[in-house]
Amino acid sequence: DRDNTWNDVDKAASELKDYVSTID
């Protein structure tokens, strides 16, 4: 709220990539 910005978007994207790589 202070900066009116989303933080850790790249971190979430990396976590999503790691998760999807485990899906058969």
PDB file of all heavy atoms in Angstrom:
ATOM      1  N   ASP A   1       0.816  -1.219   0.000  1.00  0.00           N
ATOM      2  CA  ASP A   1       0.000   0.000   0.000  1.00  0.00           C
ATOM      3  C   ASP A   1       0.848   1.267   0.000  1.00  0.00           C
ATOM      4  O   ASP A   1       0.444   2.285  -0.552  1.00  0.00           O
ATOM      5  CB  ASP A   1      -0.926   0.030   1.222  1.00  0.00           C
ATOM      6  CG  ASP A   1      -2.100  -0.912   1.082  1.00  0.00           C
ATOM      7  OD1 ASP A   1      -2.632  -1.026  -0.035  1.00  0.00           O
ATOM      8  OD2 ASP A   1      -2.475  -1.545   2.084  1.00  0.00           O
ATOM      9  N   ARG A   2       2.000   1.189   0.622  1.00  0.00           N
ATOM     10  CA  ARG A   2       2.861   2.373   0.707  1.00  0.00           C
ATOM     11  C   ARG A   2       3.393   2.774  -0.670  1.00  0.00           C
ATOM     12  O   ARG A   2       3.413   3.942  -1.018  1.00  0.00           O
ATOM     13  CB  ARG A   2       4.024   2.075   1.655  1.00  0.00           C
ATOM     14  CG  ARG A   2       4.736   3.262   2.187  1.00  0.00           C
ATOM     15  CD  ARG A   2       5.686   2.913   3.345  1.00  0.00           C
ATOM     16  NE  ARG A   2       5.810   1.495   3.637  1.00  0.00           N
ATOM     17  CZ  ARG A   2       6.912   0.772   3.418  1.00  0.00           C
ATOM     18  NH1 ARG A   2       7.989   1.324   2.929  1.00  0.00           N
ATOM     19  NH2 ARG A   2       6.938  -0.512   3.722  1.00  0.00           N
ATOM     20  N   ASP A   3       3.815   1.771  -1.451  1.00  0.00           N
ATOM     21  CA  ASP A   3       4.400   2.035  -2.768  1.00  0.00           C
ATOM     22  C   ASP A   3       3.422   1.814  -3.921  1.00  0.00           C
ATOM     23  O   ASP A   3       3.767   2.042  -5.080  1.00  0.00           O
ATOM     24  CB  ASP A   3       5.617   1.132  -2.991  1.00  0.00           C
ATOM     25  CG  ASP A   3       6.755   1.442  -2.036  1.00  0.00           C
ATOM     26  OD1 ASP A   3       6.843   2.593  -1.569  1.00  0.00           O
ATOM     27  OD2 ASP A   3       7.546   0.525  -1.752  1.00  0.00           O
ATOM     28  N   ASN A   4       2.227   1.308  -3.600  1.00  0.00           N
ATOM     29  CA  ASN A   4       1.243   0.970  -4.638  1.00  0.00           C
ATOM     30  C   ASN A   4       1.855   0.086  -5.726  1.00  0.00           C
ATOM     31  O   ASN A   4       1.770   0.378  -6.915  1.00  0.00           O
ATOM     32  CB  ASN A   4       0.639   2.233  -5.251  1.00  0.00           C
ATOM     33  CG  ASN A   4      -0.268   2.944  -4.281  1.00  0.00           C
ATOM     34  OD1 ASN A   4      -0.964   2.309  -3.493  1.00  0.00           O
ATOM     35  ND2 ASN A   4      -0.250   4.259  -4.316  1.00  0.00           N
ATOM     36  N   THR A   5       2.436  -1.016  -5.270  1.00  0.00           N
ATOM     37  CA  THR A   5       3.074  -1.932  -6.206  1.00  0.00           C
ATOM     38  C   THR A   5       2.958  -3.372  -5.703  1.00  0.00           C
ATOM     39  O   THR A   5       2.779  -3.611  -4.515  1.00  0.00           O
ATOM     40  CB  THR A   5       4.563  -1.560  -6.412  1.00  0.00           C
ATOM     41  OG1 THR A   5       5.098  -2.331  -7.471  1.00  0.00           O
ATOM     42  CG2 THR A   5       5.378  -1.777  -5.165  1.00  0.00           C
ATOM     43  N   TRP A   6       3.039  -4.296  -6.636  1.00  0.00           N
ATOM     44  CA  TRP A   6       3.095  -5.714  -6.288  1.00  0.00           C
ATOM     45  C   TRP A   6       4.553  -6.089  -6.097  1.00  0.00           C
ATOM     46  O   TRP A   6       5.408  -5.731  -6.900  1.00  0.00           O
ATOM     47  CB  TRP A   6       2.479  -6.579  -7.394  1.00  0.00           C
ATOM     48  CG  TRP A   6       1.001  -6.530  -7.407  1.00  0.00           C
ATOM     49  CD1 TRP A   6       0.217  -5.786  -8.237  1.00  0.00           C
ATOM     50  CD2 TRP A   6       0.113  -7.247  -6.550  1.00  0.00           C
ATOM     51  NE1 TRP A   6      -1.106  -5.991  -7.937  1.00  0.00           N
ATOM     52  CE2 TRP A   6      -1.201  -6.877  -6.912  1.00  0.00           C
ATOM     53  CE3 TRP A   6       0.295  -8.145  -5.510  1.00  0.00           C
ATOM     54  CZ2 TRP A   6      -2.323  -7.399  -6.270  1.00  0.00           C
ATOM     55  CZ3 TRP A   6      -0.815  -8.659  -4.874  1.00  0.00           C
ATOM     56  CH2 TRP A   6      -2.110  -8.297  -5.253  1.00  0.00           C
ATOM     57  N   ASN A   7       4.840  -6.814  -5.048  1.00  0.00           N
ATOM     58  CA  ASN A   7       6.189  -7.287  -4.764  1.00  0.00           C
ATOM     59  C   ASN A   7       6.248  -8.800  -4.887  1.00  0.00           C
ATOM     60  O   ASN A   7       5.244  -9.485  -4.728  1.00  0.00           O
ATOM     61  CB  ASN A   7       6.603  -6.869  -3.347  1.00  0.00           C
ATOM     62  CG  ASN A   7       6.745  -5.377  -3.238  1.00  0.00           C
ATOM     63  OD1 ASN A   7       7.611  -4.786  -3.864  1.00  0.00           O
ATOM     64  ND2 ASN A   7       5.866  -4.752  -2.468  1.00  0.00           N
ATOM     65  N   ASP A   8       7.431  -9.300  -5.179  1.00  0.00           N
ATOM     66  CA  ASP A   8       7.717 -10.732  -5.278  1.00  0.00           C
ATOM     67  C   ASP A   8       6.954 -11.426  -6.407  1.00  0.00           C
ATOM     68  O   ASP A   8       6.686 -12.629  -6.340  1.00  0.00           O
ATOM     69  CB  ASP A   8       7.478 -11.447  -3.946  1.00  0.00           C
ATOM     70  CG  ASP A   8       8.480 -11.037  -2.876  1.00  0.00           C
ATOM     71  OD1 ASP A   8       9.602 -10.618  -3.252  1.00  0.00           O
ATOM     72  OD2 ASP A   8       8.152 -11.122  -1.696  1.00  0.00           O
ATOM     73  N   VAL A   9       6.650 -10.687  -7.470  1.00  0.00           N
ATOM     74  CA  VAL A   9       5.985 -11.286  -8.647  1.00  0.00           C
ATOM     75  C   VAL A   9       6.906 -12.323  -9.280  1.00  0.00           C
ATOM     76  O   VAL A   9       6.471 -13.431  -9.622  1.00  0.00           O
ATOM     77  CB  VAL A   9       5.577 -10.200  -9.661  1.00  0.00           C
ATOM     78  CG1 VAL A   9       5.023 -10.820 -10.935  1.00  0.00           C
ATOM     79  CG2 VAL A   9       4.561  -9.246  -9.039  1.00  0.00           C
ATOM     80  N   ASP A  10       8.189 -11.991  -9.424  1.00  0.00           N
ATOM     81  CA  ASP A  10       9.136 -12.936 -10.021  1.00  0.00           C
ATOM     82  C   ASP A  10       9.314 -14.175  -9.158  1.00  0.00           C
ATOM     83  O   ASP A  10       9.469 -15.285  -9.673  1.00  0.00           O
ATOM     84  CB  ASP A  10      10.484 -12.266 -10.268  1.00  0.00           C
ATOM     85  CG  ASP A  10      10.421 -11.227 -11.373  1.00  0.00           C
ATOM     86  OD1 ASP A  10       9.533 -11.328 -12.246  1.00  0.00           O
ATOM     87  OD2 ASP A  10      11.270 -10.315 -11.377  1.00  0.00           O
ATOM     88  N   LYS A  11       9.282 -13.988  -7.850  1.00  0.00           N
ATOM     89  CA  LYS A  11       9.391 -15.131  -6.938  1.00  0.00           C
ATOM     90  C   LYS A  11       8.186 -16.056  -7.112  1.00  0.00           C
ATOM     91  O   LYS A  11       8.334 -17.283  -7.167  1.00  0.00           O
ATOM     92  CB  LYS A  11       9.485 -14.637  -5.498  1.00  0.00           C
ATOM     93  CG  LYS A  11       9.673 -15.734  -4.481  1.00  0.00           C
ATOM     94  CD  LYS A  11       9.824 -15.152  -3.082  1.00  0.00           C
ATOM     95  CE  LYS A  11       9.974 -16.254  -2.052  1.00  0.00           C
ATOM     96  NZ  LYS A  11      10.069 -15.719  -0.698  1.00  0.00           N
ATOM     97  N   ALA A  12       6.996 -15.487  -7.208  1.00  0.00           N
ATOM     98  CA  ALA A  12       5.790 -16.291  -7.428  1.00  0.00           C
ATOM     99  C   ALA A  12       5.866 -17.008  -8.773  1.00  0.00           C
ATOM    100  O   ALA A  12       5.480 -18.177  -8.877  1.00  0.00           O
ATOM    101  CB  ALA A  12       4.545 -15.412  -7.352  1.00  0.00           C
ATOM    102  N   ALA A  13       6.369 -16.320  -9.793  1.00  0.00           N
ATOM    103  CA  ALA A  13       6.502 -16.931 -11.116  1.00  0.00           C
ATOM    104  C   ALA A  13       7.461 -18.119 -11.061  1.00  0.00           C
ATOM    105  O   ALA A  13       7.196 -19.173 -11.659  1.00  0.00           O
ATOM    106  CB  ALA A  13       6.974 -15.894 -12.130  1.00  0.00           C
ATOM    107  N   SER A  14       8.547 -17.980 -10.334  1.00  0.00           N
ATOM    108  CA  SER A  14       9.508 -19.069 -10.186  1.00  0.00           C
ATOM    109  C   SER A  14       8.892 -20.253  -9.443  1.00  0.00           C
ATOM    110  O   SER A  14       9.091 -21.416  -9.821  1.00  0.00           O
ATOM    111  CB  SER A  14      10.745 -18.561  -9.448  1.00  0.00           C
ATOM    112  OG  SER A  14      11.673 -19.596  -9.266  1.00  0.00           O
ATOM    113  N   GLU A  15       8.128 -19.965  -8.394  1.00  0.00           N
ATOM    114  CA  GLU A  15       7.446 -21.032  -7.656  1.00  0.00           C
ATOM    115  C   GLU A  15       6.432 -21.747  -8.538  1.00  0.00           C
ATOM    116  O   GLU A  15       6.287 -22.974  -8.464  1.00  0.00           O
ATOM    117  CB  GLU A  15       6.757 -20.465  -6.417  1.00  0.00           C
ATOM    118  CG  GLU A  15       7.718 -20.044  -5.331  1.00  0.00           C
ATOM    119  CD  GLU A  15       7.018 -19.448  -4.121  1.00  0.00           C
ATOM    120  OE1 GLU A  15       5.796 -19.641  -3.944  1.00  0.00           O
ATOM    121  OE2 GLU A  15       7.721 -18.767  -3.336  1.00  0.00           O
ATOM    122  N   LEU A  16       5.730 -20.988  -9.379  1.00  0.00           N
ATOM    123  CA  LEU A  16       4.756 -21.608 -10.284  1.00  0.00           C
ATOM    124  C   LEU A  16       5.464 -22.518 -11.278  1.00  0.00           C
ATOM    125  O   LEU A  16       5.010 -23.635 -11.539  1.00  0.00           O
ATOM    126  CB  LEU A  16       3.941 -20.534 -11.008  1.00  0.00           C
ATOM    127  CG  LEU A  16       2.828 -21.042 -11.908  1.00  0.00           C
ATOM    128  CD1 LEU A  16       1.791 -21.834 -11.107  1.00  0.00           C
ATOM    129  CD2 LEU A  16       2.161 -19.885 -12.642  1.00  0.00           C
ATOM    130  N   LYS A  17       6.573 -22.056 -11.822  1.00  0.00           N
ATOM    131  CA  LYS A  17       7.344 -22.881 -12.763  1.00  0.00           C
ATOM    132  C   LYS A  17       7.788 -24.174 -12.086  1.00  0.00           C
ATOM    133  O   LYS A  17       7.647 -25.266 -12.665  1.00  0.00           O
ATOM    134  CB  LYS A  17       8.553 -22.110 -13.265  1.00  0.00           C
ATOM    135  CG  LYS A  17       9.409 -22.901 -14.228  1.00  0.00           C
ATOM    136  CD  LYS A  17      10.613 -22.102 -14.692  1.00  0.00           C
ATOM    137  CE  LYS A  17      11.447 -22.913 -15.662  1.00  0.00           C
ATOM    138  NZ  LYS A  17      12.636 -22.184 -16.098  1.00  0.00           N
ATOM    139  N   ASP A  18       8.309 -24.073 -10.869  1.00  0.00           N
ATOM    140  CA  ASP A  18       8.745 -25.274 -10.144  1.00  0.00           C
ATOM    141  C   ASP A  18       7.580 -26.227  -9.913  1.00  0.00           C
ATOM    142  O   ASP A  18       7.722 -27.441 -10.071  1.00  0.00           O
ATOM    143  CB  ASP A  18       9.369 -24.888  -8.802  1.00  0.00           C
ATOM    144  CG  ASP A  18      10.699 -24.173  -8.948  1.00  0.00           C
ATOM    145  OD1 ASP A  18      11.293 -24.190 -10.046  1.00  0.00           O
ATOM    146  OD2 ASP A  18      11.140 -23.573  -7.943  1.00  0.00           O
ATOM    147  N   TYR A  19       6.424 -25.669  -9.550  1.00  0.00           N
ATOM    148  CA  TYR A  19       5.245 -26.509  -9.295  1.00  0.00           C
ATOM    149  C   TYR A  19       4.786 -27.220 -10.572  1.00  0.00           C
ATOM    150  O   TYR A  19       4.578 -28.440 -10.566  1.00  0.00           O
ATOM    151  CB  TYR A  19       4.109 -25.675  -8.719  1.00  0.00           C
ATOM    152  CG  TYR A  19       2.824 -26.447  -8.618  1.00  0.00           C
ATOM    153  CD1 TYR A  19       2.709 -27.533  -7.755  1.00  0.00           C
ATOM    154  CD2 TYR A  19       1.728 -26.122  -9.408  1.00  0.00           C
ATOM    155  CE1 TYR A  19       1.538 -28.262  -7.673  1.00  0.00           C
ATOM    156  CE2 TYR A  19       0.552 -26.849  -9.330  1.00  0.00           C
ATOM    157  CZ  TYR A  19       0.460 -27.918  -8.468  1.00  0.00           C
ATOM    158  OH  TYR A  19      -0.692 -28.650  -8.398  1.00  0.00           O
ATOM    159  N   VAL A  20       4.657 -26.473 -11.650  1.00  0.00           N
ATOM    160  CA  VAL A  20       4.155 -27.076 -12.897  1.00  0.00           C
ATOM    161  C   VAL A  20       5.119 -28.157 -13.403  1.00  0.00           C
ATOM    162  O   VAL A  20       4.678 -29.155 -13.971  1.00  0.00           O
ATOM    163  CB  VAL A  20       3.895 -25.991 -13.962  1.00  0.00           C
ATOM    164  CG1 VAL A  20       3.586 -26.602 -15.319  1.00  0.00           C
ATOM    165  CG2 VAL A  20       2.727 -25.101 -13.521  1.00  0.00           C
ATOM    166  N   SER A  21       6.403 -27.997 -13.137  1.00  0.00           N
ATOM    167  CA  SER A  21       7.365 -29.004 -13.593  1.00  0.00           C
ATOM    168  C   SER A  21       7.157 -30.346 -12.890  1.00  0.00           C
ATOM    169  O   SER A  21       7.628 -31.375 -13.379  1.00  0.00           O
ATOM    170  CB  SER A  21       8.797 -28.512 -13.404  1.00  0.00           C
ATOM    171  OG  SER A  21       9.137 -28.480 -12.042  1.00  0.00           O
ATOM    172  N   THR A  22       6.423 -30.359 -11.764  1.00  0.00           N
ATOM    173  CA  THR A  22       6.169 -31.612 -11.048  1.00  0.00           C
ATOM    174  C   THR A  22       4.892 -32.304 -11.521  1.00  0.00           C
ATOM    175  O   THR A  22       4.627 -33.434 -11.106  1.00  0.00           O
ATOM    176  CB  THR A  22       6.052 -31.373  -9.526  1.00  0.00           C
ATOM    177  OG1 THR A  22       4.863 -30.629  -9.238  1.00  0.00           O
ATOM    178  CG2 THR A  22       7.275 -30.656  -8.979  1.00  0.00           C
ATOM    179  N   ILE A  23       4.101 -31.647 -12.349  1.00  0.00           N
ATOM    180  CA  ILE A  23       2.813 -32.205 -12.788  1.00  0.00           C
ATOM    181  C   ILE A  23       3.046 -33.214 -13.911  1.00  0.00           C
ATOM    182  O   ILE A  23       3.720 -32.920 -14.893  1.00  0.00           O
ATOM    183  CB  ILE A  23       1.869 -31.084 -13.280  1.00  0.00           C
ATOM    184  CG1 ILE A  23       1.570 -30.115 -12.135  1.00  0.00           C
ATOM    185  CG2 ILE A  23       0.579 -31.676 -13.841  1.00  0.00           C
ATOM    186  CD1 ILE A  23       0.830 -28.868 -12.574  1.00  0.00           C
ATOM    187  N   ASP A  24       2.476 -34.377 -13.764  1.00  0.00           N
ATOM    188  CA  ASP A  24       2.588 -35.429 -14.772  1.00  0.00           C
ATOM    189  C   ASP A  24       1.599 -35.152 -15.906  1.00  0.00           C
ATOM    190  O   ASP A  24       0.383 -35.239 -15.699  1.00  0.00           O
ATOM    191  CB  ASP A  24       2.293 -36.790 -14.142  1.00  0.00           C
ATOM    192  CG  ASP A  24       2.441 -37.958 -15.102  1.00  0.00           C
ATOM    193  OD1 ASP A  24       2.641 -37.734 -16.315  1.00  0.00           O
ATOM    194  OD2 ASP A  24       2.367 -39.099 -14.621  1.00  0.00           O
TER     195      ASP A  24
END
